[in-house]
Amino acid sequence: MQIPVATPKALLADSGYDGDRFRESLLIRGILPIIPPRSNRKVPKHPDYRRYRDRSRVERIFGKLKKQRRIATRYDKTVLSFESFLNLAAAK
């Protein structure tokens, strides 16, 4: 049995994903691309930079979690204990 996944309203990505075909495919699916333009784009499409700041927060959280040796190396034997420690580390 598959669990249905909700379609996101927006996608936060860095300028590496700034491509016309990628943007079009997101818009066709009803997903708003929030991607800053590459420096070589002739007509830059500027995103909502207030929403783009959230991407930085998410990346910093993952960076801090990767510094936790127990999470990075996954010492826990069961999924439950790994996810429990992941929740503790994220709350910290």
PDB file of N, CA and C in Angstrom:
ATOM      1  N   MET A   1       0.830  -1.174   0.000  1.00  0.00           N
ATOM      2  CA  MET A   1       0.000   0.000   0.000  1.00  0.00           C
ATOM      3  C   MET A   1       0.878   1.242   0.000  1.00  0.00           C
ATOM      4  N   GLN A   2       0.645   2.127  -0.943  1.00  0.00           N
ATOM      5  CA  GLN A   2       1.416   3.355  -1.010  1.00  0.00           C
ATOM      6  C   GLN A   2       0.682   4.466  -0.282  1.00  0.00           C
ATOM      7  N   ILE A   3       1.468   5.272   0.414  1.00  0.00           N
ATOM      8  CA  ILE A   3       0.912   6.426   1.113  1.00  0.00           C
ATOM      9  C   ILE A   3       0.926   7.601   0.151  1.00  0.00           C
ATOM     10  N   PRO A   4      -0.200   8.256  -0.058  1.00  0.00           N
ATOM     11  CA  PRO A   4      -0.213   9.392  -0.988  1.00  0.00           C
ATOM     12  C   PRO A   4       0.597  10.556  -0.429  1.00  0.00           C
ATOM     13  N   VAL A   5       1.370  11.160  -1.281  1.00  0.00           N
ATOM     14  CA  VAL A   5       2.206  12.296  -0.898  1.00  0.00           C
ATOM     15  C   VAL A   5       1.560  13.561  -1.438  1.00  0.00           C
ATOM     16  N   ALA A   6       1.439  14.554  -0.594  1.00  0.00           N
ATOM     17  CA  ALA A   6       0.830  15.819  -1.008  1.00  0.00           C
ATOM     18  C   ALA A   6       1.766  16.563  -1.957  1.00  0.00           C
ATOM     19  N   THR A   7       1.200  17.218  -2.946  1.00  0.00           N
ATOM     20  CA  THR A   7       1.987  18.014  -3.884  1.00  0.00           C
ATOM     21  C   THR A   7       2.425  19.300  -3.195  1.00  0.00           C
ATOM     22  N   PRO A   8       3.718  19.618  -3.248  1.00  0.00           N
ATOM     23  CA  PRO A   8       4.171  20.859  -2.609  1.00  0.00           C
ATOM     24  C   PRO A   8       3.662  22.085  -3.354  1.00  0.00           C
ATOM     25  N   LYS A   9       3.545  23.192  -2.633  1.00  0.00           N
ATOM     26  CA  LYS A   9       3.097  24.434  -3.255  1.00  0.00           C
ATOM     27  C   LYS A   9       4.255  25.174  -3.908  1.00  0.00           C
ATOM     28  N   ALA A  10       5.464  24.991  -3.360  1.00  0.00           N
ATOM     29  CA  ALA A  10       6.638  25.690  -3.883  1.00  0.00           C
ATOM     30  C   ALA A  10       7.869  24.810  -3.733  1.00  0.00           C
ATOM     31  N   LEU A  11       8.883  25.081  -4.549  1.00  0.00           N
ATOM     32  CA  LEU A  11      10.155  24.369  -4.480  1.00  0.00           C
ATOM     33  C   LEU A  11      11.255  25.391  -4.271  1.00  0.00           C
ATOM     34  N   LEU A  12      11.999  25.252  -3.181  1.00  0.00           N
ATOM     35  CA  LEU A  12      13.140  26.114  -2.900  1.00  0.00           C
ATOM     36  C   LEU A  12      14.391  25.400  -3.392  1.00  0.00           C
ATOM     37  N   ALA A  13      15.138  26.023  -4.299  1.00  0.00           N
ATOM     38  CA  ALA A  13      16.343  25.403  -4.837  1.00  0.00           C
ATOM     39  C   ALA A  13      17.386  26.477  -5.110  1.00  0.00           C
ATOM     40  N   ASP A  14      18.643  26.043  -5.260  1.00  0.00           N
ATOM     41  CA  ASP A  14      19.688  27.015  -5.557  1.00  0.00           C
ATOM     42  C   ASP A  14      19.780  27.242  -7.066  1.00  0.00           C
ATOM     43  N   SER A  15      20.680  28.123  -7.466  1.00  0.00           N
ATOM     44  CA  SER A  15      20.742  28.537  -8.871  1.00  0.00           C
ATOM     45  C   SER A  15      21.197  27.413  -9.805  1.00  0.00           C
ATOM     46  N   GLY A  16      21.684  26.326  -9.277  1.00  0.00           N
ATOM     47  CA  GLY A  16      22.055  25.189 -10.111  1.00  0.00           C
ATOM     48  C   GLY A  16      20.853  24.558 -10.809  1.00  0.00           C
ATOM     49  N   TYR A  17      19.671  24.775 -10.274  1.00  0.00           N
ATOM     50  CA  TYR A  17      18.451  24.230 -10.860  1.00  0.00           C
ATOM     51  C   TYR A  17      17.719  25.243 -11.723  1.00  0.00           C
ATOM     52  N   ASP A  18      18.373  26.359 -12.043  1.00  0.00           N
ATOM     53  CA  ASP A  18      17.735  27.397 -12.844  1.00  0.00           C
ATOM     54  C   ASP A  18      17.808  27.025 -14.316  1.00  0.00           C
ATOM     55  N   GLY A  19      16.768  26.401 -14.799  1.00  0.00           N
ATOM     56  CA  GLY A  19      16.671  26.035 -16.207  1.00  0.00           C
ATOM     57  C   GLY A  19      15.228  26.206 -16.658  1.00  0.00           C
ATOM     58  N   ASP A  20      15.052  26.613 -17.896  1.00  0.00           N
ATOM     59  CA  ASP A  20      13.706  26.880 -18.390  1.00  0.00           C
ATOM     60  C   ASP A  20      12.837  25.623 -18.393  1.00  0.00           C
ATOM     61  N   ARG A  21      13.387  24.488 -18.841  1.00  0.00           N
ATOM     62  CA  ARG A  21      12.593  23.257 -18.884  1.00  0.00           C
ATOM     63  C   ARG A  21      12.214  22.783 -17.485  1.00  0.00           C
ATOM     64  N   PHE A  22      13.148  22.927 -16.547  1.00  0.00           N
ATOM     65  CA  PHE A  22      12.864  22.523 -15.165  1.00  0.00           C
ATOM     66  C   PHE A  22      11.775  23.401 -14.563  1.00  0.00           C
ATOM     67  N   ARG A  23      11.871  24.699 -14.782  1.00  0.00           N
ATOM     68  CA  ARG A  23      10.854  25.621 -14.281  1.00  0.00           C
ATOM     69  C   ARG A  23       9.481  25.315 -14.891  1.00  0.00           C
ATOM     70  N   GLU A  24       9.465  25.061 -16.202  1.00  0.00           N
ATOM     71  CA  GLU A  24       8.202  24.771 -16.882  1.00  0.00           C
ATOM     72  C   GLU A  24       7.560  23.494 -16.348  1.00  0.00           C
ATOM     73  N   SER A  25       8.366  22.469 -16.113  1.00  0.00           N
ATOM     74  CA  SER A  25       7.803  21.214 -15.612  1.00  0.00           C
ATOM     75  C   SER A  25       7.215  21.399 -14.213  1.00  0.00           C
ATOM     76  N   LEU A  26       7.840  22.255 -13.402  1.00  0.00           N
ATOM     77  CA  LEU A  26       7.287  22.532 -12.077  1.00  0.00           C
ATOM     78  C   LEU A  26       5.962  23.286 -12.185  1.00  0.00           C
ATOM     79  N   LEU A  27       5.936  24.290 -13.057  1.00  0.00           N
ATOM     80  CA  LEU A  27       4.723  25.085 -13.208  1.00  0.00           C
ATOM     81  C   LEU A  27       3.565  24.254 -13.758  1.00  0.00           C
ATOM     82  N   ILE A  28       3.858  23.310 -14.648  1.00  0.00           N
ATOM     83  CA  ILE A  28       2.818  22.431 -15.176  1.00  0.00           C
ATOM     84  C   ILE A  28       2.202  21.594 -14.054  1.00  0.00           C
ATOM     85  N   ARG A  29       3.035  21.177 -13.106  1.00  0.00           N
ATOM     86  CA  ARG A  29       2.545  20.391 -11.969  1.00  0.00           C
ATOM     87  C   ARG A  29       1.892  21.248 -10.891  1.00  0.00           C
ATOM     88  N   GLY A  30       1.922  22.559 -11.048  1.00  0.00           N
ATOM     89  CA  GLY A  30       1.316  23.447 -10.062  1.00  0.00           C
ATOM     90  C   GLY A  30       2.236  23.790  -8.911  1.00  0.00           C
ATOM     91  N   ILE A  31       3.552  23.670  -9.123  1.00  0.00           N
ATOM     92  CA  ILE A  31       4.542  23.962  -8.092  1.00  0.00           C
ATOM     93  C   ILE A  31       5.250  25.261  -8.463  1.00  0.00           C
ATOM     94  N   LEU A  32       5.287  26.213  -7.542  1.00  0.00           N
ATOM     95  CA  LEU A  32       5.935  27.493  -7.780  1.00  0.00           C
ATOM     96  C   LEU A  32       7.443  27.355  -7.575  1.00  0.00           C
ATOM     97  N   PRO A  33       8.268  27.573  -8.619  1.00  0.00           N
ATOM     98  CA  PRO A  33       9.718  27.482  -8.432  1.00  0.00           C
ATOM     99  C   PRO A  33      10.257  28.761  -7.789  1.00  0.00           C
ATOM    100  N   ILE A  34      10.960  28.612  -6.679  1.00  0.00           N
ATOM    101  CA  ILE A  34      11.622  29.737  -6.022  1.00  0.00           C
ATOM    102  C   ILE A  34      13.112  29.473  -6.147  1.00  0.00           C
ATOM    103  N   ILE A  35      13.658  29.896  -7.283  1.00  0.00           N
ATOM    104  CA  ILE A  35      15.040  29.622  -7.659  1.00  0.00           C
ATOM    105  C   ILE A  35      15.670  30.928  -8.119  1.00  0.00           C
ATOM    106  N   PRO A  36      16.806  31.337  -7.532  1.00  0.00           N
ATOM    107  CA  PRO A  36      17.454  32.552  -8.014  1.00  0.00           C
ATOM    108  C   PRO A  36      18.051  32.326  -9.395  1.00  0.00           C
ATOM    109  N   PRO A  37      18.190  33.388 -10.196  1.00  0.00           N
ATOM    110  CA  PRO A  37      18.715  33.208 -11.553  1.00  0.00           C
ATOM    111  C   PRO A  37      20.225  32.974 -11.546  1.00  0.00           C
ATOM    112  N   ARG A  38      20.696  32.261 -12.557  1.00  0.00           N
ATOM    113  CA  ARG A  38      22.143  32.112 -12.747  1.00  0.00           C
ATOM    114  C   ARG A  38      22.718  33.439 -13.215  1.00  0.00           C
ATOM    115  N   SER A  39      23.991  33.603 -13.034  1.00  0.00           N
ATOM    116  CA  SER A  39      24.619  34.882 -13.395  1.00  0.00           C
ATOM    117  C   SER A  39      24.649  35.098 -14.906  1.00  0.00           C
ATOM    118  N   ASN A  40      24.578  34.036 -15.701  1.00  0.00           N
ATOM    119  CA  ASN A  40      24.654  34.188 -17.152  1.00  0.00           C
ATOM    120  C   ASN A  40      23.278  34.211 -17.828  1.00  0.00           C
ATOM    121  N   ARG A  41      22.205  34.275 -17.071  1.00  0.00           N
ATOM    122  CA  ARG A  41      20.856  34.316 -17.652  1.00  0.00           C
ATOM    123  C   ARG A  41      20.614  35.693 -18.264  1.00  0.00           C
ATOM    124  N   LYS A  42      20.144  35.705 -19.503  1.00  0.00           N
ATOM    125  CA  LYS A  42      19.938  36.968 -20.222  1.00  0.00           C
ATOM    126  C   LYS A  42      18.792  37.784 -19.632  1.00  0.00           C
ATOM    127  N   VAL A  43      17.673  37.118 -19.334  1.00  0.00           N
ATOM    128  CA  VAL A  43      16.532  37.795 -18.713  1.00  0.00           C
ATOM    129  C   VAL A  43      16.313  37.134 -17.347  1.00  0.00           C
ATOM    130  N   PRO A  44      16.861  37.722 -16.278  1.00  0.00           N
ATOM    131  CA  PRO A  44      16.743  37.078 -14.966  1.00  0.00           C
ATOM    132  C   PRO A  44      15.311  37.093 -14.438  1.00  0.00           C
ATOM    133  N   LYS A  45      14.918  35.968 -13.846  1.00  0.00           N
ATOM    134  CA  LYS A  45      13.616  35.843 -13.200  1.00  0.00           C
ATOM    135  C   LYS A  45      13.883  35.814 -11.704  1.00  0.00           C
ATOM    136  N   HIS A  46      13.540  36.880 -11.020  1.00  0.00           N
ATOM    137  CA  HIS A  46      13.862  36.984  -9.600  1.00  0.00           C
ATOM    138  C   HIS A  46      12.778  36.324  -8.750  1.00  0.00           C
ATOM    139  N   PRO A  47      13.209  35.494  -7.805  1.00  0.00           N
ATOM    140  CA  PRO A  47      12.236  34.804  -6.948  1.00  0.00           C
ATOM    141  C   PRO A  47      11.811  35.693  -5.778  1.00  0.00           C
ATOM    142  N   ASP A  48      10.922  35.161  -4.967  1.00  0.00           N
ATOM    143  CA  ASP A  48      10.528  35.812  -3.731  1.00  0.00           C
ATOM    144  C   ASP A  48      11.633  35.527  -2.717  1.00  0.00           C
ATOM    145  N   TYR A  49      12.513  36.513  -2.512  1.00  0.00           N
ATOM    146  CA  TYR A  49      13.683  36.273  -1.672  1.00  0.00           C
ATOM    147  C   TYR A  49      13.328  36.081  -0.201  1.00  0.00           C
ATOM    148  N   ARG A  50      12.164  36.544   0.220  1.00  0.00           N
ATOM    149  CA  ARG A  50      11.741  36.284   1.606  1.00  0.00           C
ATOM    150  C   ARG A  50      11.500  34.799   1.809  1.00  0.00           C
ATOM    151  N   ARG A  51      10.897  34.151   0.829  1.00  0.00           N
ATOM    152  CA  ARG A  51      10.672  32.712   0.929  1.00  0.00           C
ATOM    153  C   ARG A  51      11.965  31.933   0.698  1.00  0.00           C
ATOM    154  N   TYR A  52      12.872  32.488  -0.094  1.00  0.00           N
ATOM    155  CA  TYR A  52      14.133  31.806  -0.398  1.00  0.00           C
ATOM    156  C   TYR A  52      15.027  31.712   0.834  1.00  0.00           C
ATOM    157  N   ARG A  53      14.874  32.626   1.794  1.00  0.00           N
ATOM    158  CA  ARG A  53      15.673  32.581   3.015  1.00  0.00           C
ATOM    159  C   ARG A  53      15.438  31.294   3.796  1.00  0.00           C
ATOM    160  N   ASP A  54      14.256  30.710   3.674  1.00  0.00           N
ATOM    161  CA  ASP A  54      13.961  29.463   4.384  1.00  0.00           C
ATOM    162  C   ASP A  54      14.880  28.338   3.939  1.00  0.00           C
ATOM    163  N   ARG A  55      15.325  28.360   2.692  1.00  0.00           N
ATOM    164  CA  ARG A  55      16.231  27.339   2.179  1.00  0.00           C
ATOM    165  C   ARG A  55      17.535  27.339   2.962  1.00  0.00           C
ATOM    166  N   SER A  56      18.025  28.521   3.285  1.00  0.00           N
ATOM    167  CA  SER A  56      19.260  28.645   4.057  1.00  0.00           C
ATOM    168  C   SER A  56      19.096  28.031   5.443  1.00  0.00           C
ATOM    169  N   ARG A  57      17.959  28.262   6.058  1.00  0.00           N
ATOM    170  CA  ARG A  57      17.708  27.685   7.385  1.00  0.00           C
ATOM    171  C   ARG A  57      17.716  26.166   7.338  1.00  0.00           C
ATOM    172  N   VAL A  58      17.077  25.602   6.328  1.00  0.00           N
ATOM    173  CA  VAL A  58      17.021  24.143   6.197  1.00  0.00           C
ATOM    174  C   VAL A  58      18.421  23.578   5.979  1.00  0.00           C
ATOM    175  N   GLU A  59      19.225  24.231   5.137  1.00  0.00           N
ATOM    176  CA  GLU A  59      20.586  23.753   4.889  1.00  0.00           C
ATOM    177  C   GLU A  59      21.442  23.820   6.144  1.00  0.00           C
ATOM    178  N   ARG A  60      21.264  24.864   6.949  1.00  0.00           N
ATOM    179  CA  ARG A  60      22.042  24.960   8.191  1.00  0.00           C
ATOM    180  C   ARG A  60      21.658  23.862   9.162  1.00  0.00           C
ATOM    181  N   ILE A  61      20.366  23.522   9.232  1.00  0.00           N
ATOM    182  CA  ILE A  61      19.933  22.443  10.124  1.00  0.00           C
ATOM    183  C   ILE A  61      20.556  21.119   9.697  1.00  0.00           C
ATOM    184  N   PHE A  62      20.534  20.828   8.383  1.00  0.00           N
ATOM    185  CA  PHE A  62      21.152  19.587   7.907  1.00  0.00           C
ATOM    186  C   PHE A  62      22.659  19.589   8.152  1.00  0.00           C
ATOM    187  N   GLY A  63      23.300  20.735   8.008  1.00  0.00           N
ATOM    188  CA  GLY A  63      24.730  20.826   8.289  1.00  0.00           C
ATOM    189  C   GLY A  63      25.041  20.509   9.743  1.00  0.00           C
ATOM    190  N   LYS A  64      24.218  21.018  10.644  1.00  0.00           N
ATOM    191  CA  LYS A  64      24.430  20.738  12.069  1.00  0.00           C
ATOM    192  C   LYS A  64      24.158  19.280  12.392  1.00  0.00           C
ATOM    193  N   LEU A  65      23.146  18.704  11.750  1.00  0.00           N
ATOM    194  CA  LEU A  65      22.854  17.298  12.002  1.00  0.00           C
ATOM    195  C   LEU A  65      23.967  16.387  11.482  1.00  0.00           C
ATOM    196  N   LYS A  66      24.591  16.771  10.372  1.00  0.00           N
ATOM    197  CA  LYS A  66      25.676  15.951   9.834  1.00  0.00           C
ATOM    198  C   LYS A  66      26.905  15.964  10.725  1.00  0.00           C
ATOM    199  N   LYS A  67      27.044  16.996  11.548  1.00  0.00           N
ATOM    200  CA  LYS A  67      28.177  17.053  12.480  1.00  0.00           C
ATOM    201  C   LYS A  67      27.989  16.104  13.657  1.00  0.00           C
ATOM    202  N   GLN A  68      26.768  15.669  13.896  1.00  0.00           N
ATOM    203  CA  GLN A  68      26.503  14.696  14.945  1.00  0.00           C
ATOM    204  C   GLN A  68      27.001  13.338  14.448  1.00  0.00           C
ATOM    205  N   ARG A  69      28.036  12.832  15.047  1.00  0.00           N
ATOM    206  CA  ARG A  69      28.658  11.604  14.558  1.00  0.00           C
ATOM    207  C   ARG A  69      27.698  10.417  14.575  1.00  0.00           C
ATOM    208  N   ARG A  70      26.864  10.369  15.579  1.00  0.00           N
ATOM    209  CA  ARG A  70      25.921   9.249  15.703  1.00  0.00           C
ATOM    210  C   ARG A  70      24.926   9.244  14.544  1.00  0.00           C
ATOM    211  N   ILE A  71      24.548  10.407  14.066  1.00  0.00           N
ATOM    212  CA  ILE A  71      23.607  10.487  12.946  1.00  0.00           C
ATOM    213  C   ILE A  71      24.324  10.232  11.627  1.00  0.00           C
ATOM    214  N   ALA A  72      25.499  10.827  11.458  1.00  0.00           N
ATOM    215  CA  ALA A  72      26.229  10.704  10.199  1.00  0.00           C
ATOM    216  C   ALA A  72      26.638   9.258   9.913  1.00  0.00           C
ATOM    217  N   THR A  73      27.036   8.526  10.945  1.00  0.00           N
ATOM    218  CA  THR A  73      27.488   7.147  10.745  1.00  0.00           C
ATOM    219  C   THR A  73      26.393   6.121  10.984  1.00  0.00           C
ATOM    220  N   ARG A  74      25.283   6.552  11.546  1.00  0.00           N
ATOM    221  CA  ARG A  74      24.119   5.702  11.792  1.00  0.00           C
ATOM    222  C   ARG A  74      24.474   4.451  12.587  1.00  0.00           C
ATOM    223  N   TYR A  75      24.929   4.686  13.824  1.00  0.00           N
ATOM    224  CA  TYR A  75      25.296   3.591  14.711  1.00  0.00           C
ATOM    225  C   TYR A  75      24.101   2.786  15.206  1.00  0.00           C
ATOM    226  N   ASP A  76      22.938   3.393  15.250  1.00  0.00           N
ATOM    227  CA  ASP A  76      21.773   2.722  15.820  1.00  0.00           C
ATOM    228  C   ASP A  76      21.361   1.530  14.960  1.00  0.00           C
ATOM    229  N   LYS A  77      20.942   0.461  15.644  1.00  0.00           N
ATOM    230  CA  LYS A  77      20.578  -0.752  14.914  1.00  0.00           C
ATOM    231  C   LYS A  77      19.154  -0.728  14.390  1.00  0.00           C
ATOM    232  N   THR A  78      18.260  -0.053  15.082  1.00  0.00           N
ATOM    233  CA  THR A  78      16.863  -0.040  14.644  1.00  0.00           C
ATOM    234  C   THR A  78      16.489   1.332  14.103  1.00  0.00           C
ATOM    235  N   VAL A  79      15.505   1.338  13.252  1.00  0.00           N
ATOM    236  CA  VAL A  79      15.021   2.588  12.660  1.00  0.00           C
ATOM    237  C   VAL A  79      14.413   3.475  13.742  1.00  0.00           C
ATOM    238  N   LEU A  80      13.720   2.865  14.691  1.00  0.00           N
ATOM    239  CA  LEU A  80      13.069   3.635  15.748  1.00  0.00           C
ATOM    240  C   LEU A  80      14.090   4.390  16.592  1.00  0.00           C
ATOM    241  N   SER A  81      15.177   3.742  16.967  1.00  0.00           N
ATOM    242  CA  SER A  81      16.175   4.426  17.794  1.00  0.00           C
ATOM    243  C   SER A  81      16.907   5.502  16.989  1.00  0.00           C
ATOM    244  N   PHE A  82      17.136   5.260  15.705  1.00  0.00           N
ATOM    245  CA  PHE A  82      17.776   6.279  14.868  1.00  0.00           C
ATOM    246  C   PHE A  82      16.879   7.507  14.728  1.00  0.00           C
ATOM    247  N   GLU A  83      15.600   7.282  14.427  1.00  0.00           N
ATOM    248  CA  GLU A  83      14.679   8.403  14.270  1.00  0.00           C
ATOM    249  C   GLU A  83      14.466   9.140  15.584  1.00  0.00           C
ATOM    250  N   SER A  84      14.496   8.411  16.690  1.00  0.00           N
ATOM    251  CA  SER A  84      14.342   9.056  17.997  1.00  0.00           C
ATOM    252  C   SER A  84      15.519   9.985  18.273  1.00  0.00           C
ATOM    253  N   PHE A  85      16.737   9.503  18.012  1.00  0.00           N
ATOM    254  CA  PHE A  85      17.893  10.362  18.236  1.00  0.00           C
ATOM    255  C   PHE A  85      17.913  11.522  17.242  1.00  0.00           C
ATOM    256  N   LEU A  86      17.459  11.291  16.038  1.00  0.00           N
ATOM    257  CA  LEU A  86      17.374  12.364  15.046  1.00  0.00           C
ATOM    258  C   LEU A  86      16.431  13.461  15.535  1.00  0.00           C
ATOM    259  N   ASN A  87      15.304  13.069  16.117  1.00  0.00           N
ATOM    260  CA  ASN A  87      14.377  14.058  16.675  1.00  0.00           C
ATOM    261  C   ASN A  87      15.001  14.821  17.831  1.00  0.00           C
ATOM    262  N   LEU A  88      15.735  14.114  18.699  1.00  0.00           N
ATOM    263  CA  LEU A  88      16.412  14.798  19.804  1.00  0.00           C
ATOM    264  C   LEU A  88      17.459  15.789  19.298  1.00  0.00           C
ATOM    265  N   ALA A  89      18.244  15.374  18.333  1.00  0.00           N
ATOM    266  CA  ALA A  89      19.295  16.244  17.801  1.00  0.00           C
ATOM    267  C   ALA A  89      18.696  17.459  17.084  1.00  0.00           C
ATOM    268  N   ALA A  90      17.593  17.254  16.385  1.00  0.00           N
ATOM    269  CA  ALA A  90      16.945  18.373  15.675  1.00  0.00           C
ATOM    270  C   ALA A  90      16.332  19.346  16.673  1.00  0.00           C
ATOM    271  N   ALA A  91      15.801  18.841  17.769  1.00  0.00           N
ATOM    272  CA  ALA A  91      15.209  19.709  18.781  1.00  0.00           C
ATOM    273  C   ALA A  91      16.280  20.518  19.509  1.00  0.00           C
ATOM    274  N   LYS A  92      17.458  19.941  19.630  1.00  0.00           N
ATOM    275  CA  LYS A  92      18.563  20.635  20.297  1.00  0.00           C
ATOM    276  C   LYS A  92      18.963  21.834  19.495  1.00  0.00           C
TER     277      LYS A  92
END
